Amino acid sequence: MPRDIDIVIERVRALHPDATIEQLKVSHPADDDGLWFFQLPKEKKSIQVESSTGAAPFLIEHCDMQTSDEAISGAGVDQAVHEVSVYLSASKKT
């Protein structure tokens, strides 16, 4: 059974086939690698989805947020896909 983050990645790729999606690469095996970055080619801005287990709920943050208080906390799969897709679409227009 796929993890929630795998479903998010699959759905975002279906909506934005050109998006790059990278999981945080950690230095030590004990470090938490539960952070995924979504970005479009040639765009400097990215949006990140965080979950130490890869399961919802997620914490979502992006480059346009001024403080961590603006982070979207408790997002499920559908909301995560929506937030990432909307942000990637908007980043094309800037």
Protein backbone atom coordinates (compact mmCIF):
# COMPACT_ATOMS: atom_id res chain seq x y z
CA MET A 1 0.00 0.00 0.00
CA PRO A 2 1.51 3.38 -0.97
CA ARG A 3 2.26 6.01 1.65
CA ASP A 4 0.23 9.21 1.60
CA ILE A 5 3.23 11.19 0.30
CA ASP A 6 3.56 8.75 -2.62
CA ILE A 7 -0.05 9.47 -3.55
CA VAL A 8 0.59 13.22 -3.29
CA ILE A 9 3.65 12.90 -5.54
CA GLU A 10 1.76 10.79 -8.09
CA ARG A 11 -1.16 13.25 -8.26
CA VAL A 12 1.10 16.32 -8.47
CA ARG A 13 3.10 14.67 -11.28
CA ALA A 14 -0.14 14.02 -13.16
CA LEU A 15 -1.03 17.72 -12.89
CA HIS A 16 2.51 19.07 -13.40
CA PRO A 17 4.55 16.51 -15.37
CA ASP A 18 7.50 18.91 -15.57
CA ALA A 19 7.76 19.37 -11.78
CA THR A 20 10.84 18.19 -9.97
CA ILE A 21 10.22 16.45 -6.69
CA GLU A 22 13.10 15.74 -4.37
CA GLN A 23 13.23 14.24 -0.92
CA LEU A 24 15.62 15.80 1.56
CA LYS A 25 18.94 14.02 1.57
CA VAL A 26 20.27 13.68 5.10
CA SER A 27 23.84 13.26 6.31
CA HIS A 28 23.12 10.74 9.03
CA PRO A 29 20.70 7.80 8.99
CA ALA A 30 19.14 8.97 12.27
CA ASP A 31 18.19 12.36 10.75
CA ASP A 32 14.60 12.90 9.61
CA ASP A 33 14.32 12.81 5.83
CA GLY A 34 10.56 13.38 5.79
CA LEU A 35 10.68 16.53 3.68
CA TRP A 36 9.83 16.74 -0.02
CA PHE A 37 10.45 19.75 -2.27
CA PHE A 38 8.26 20.45 -5.30
CA GLN A 39 9.51 22.89 -7.93
CA LEU A 40 9.09 23.70 -11.60
CA PRO A 41 12.05 23.91 -13.96
CA LYS A 42 13.64 27.36 -14.21
CA GLU A 43 11.70 28.54 -11.14
CA LYS A 44 13.53 29.53 -7.97
CA LYS A 45 10.51 29.16 -5.71
CA SER A 46 9.53 25.84 -4.20
CA ILE A 47 6.93 24.38 -1.91
CA GLN A 48 7.68 21.70 0.64
CA VAL A 49 5.58 18.99 2.20
CA GLU A 50 6.73 17.53 5.51
CA SER A 51 5.88 14.34 7.37
CA SER A 52 8.40 12.24 9.23
CA THR A 53 6.45 9.08 8.37
CA GLY A 54 5.27 9.99 4.87
CA ALA A 55 1.69 9.83 6.14
CA ALA A 56 -0.83 12.63 6.56
CA PRO A 57 -1.21 14.99 8.26
CA PHE A 58 1.37 17.11 6.47
CA LEU A 59 2.99 20.44 7.21
CA ILE A 60 3.19 22.56 4.06
CA GLU A 61 5.39 25.62 3.60
CA HIS A 62 6.52 27.63 0.60
CA CYS A 63 8.96 30.37 -0.31
CA ASP A 64 6.36 33.16 -0.21
CA MET A 65 5.51 32.60 3.44
CA GLN A 66 7.01 35.25 5.68
CA THR A 67 6.98 33.20 8.91
CA SER A 68 6.43 29.62 9.99
CA ASP A 69 3.11 30.77 11.49
CA GLU A 70 1.77 30.80 7.92
CA ALA A 71 2.51 27.09 7.43
CA ILE A 72 -0.45 24.90 6.61
CA SER A 73 -0.65 22.32 9.36
CA GLY A 74 -2.70 19.15 9.39
CA ALA A 75 -3.20 18.84 5.64
CA GLY A 76 -4.50 15.57 4.26
CA VAL A 77 -3.64 14.09 0.86
CA ASP A 78 -6.25 16.07 -1.11
CA GLN A 79 -5.34 19.37 0.52
CA ALA A 80 -1.62 18.74 0.01
CA VAL A 81 -2.14 18.04 -3.70
CA HIS A 82 -4.28 21.17 -3.99
CA GLU A 83 -1.82 23.45 -2.17
CA VAL A 84 1.18 22.18 -4.15
CA SER A 85 -0.65 22.40 -7.47
CA VAL A 86 -1.97 25.91 -6.84
CA TYR A 87 1.47 27.11 -5.77
CA LEU A 88 3.22 25.58 -8.78
CA SER A 89 0.62 27.04 -11.14
CA ALA A 90 1.02 30.48 -9.58
CA SER A 91 4.80 30.30 -9.78
CA LYS A 92 4.54 29.96 -13.58
CA LYS A 93 2.82 33.35 -13.74
CA THR A 94 5.45 35.33 -11.85
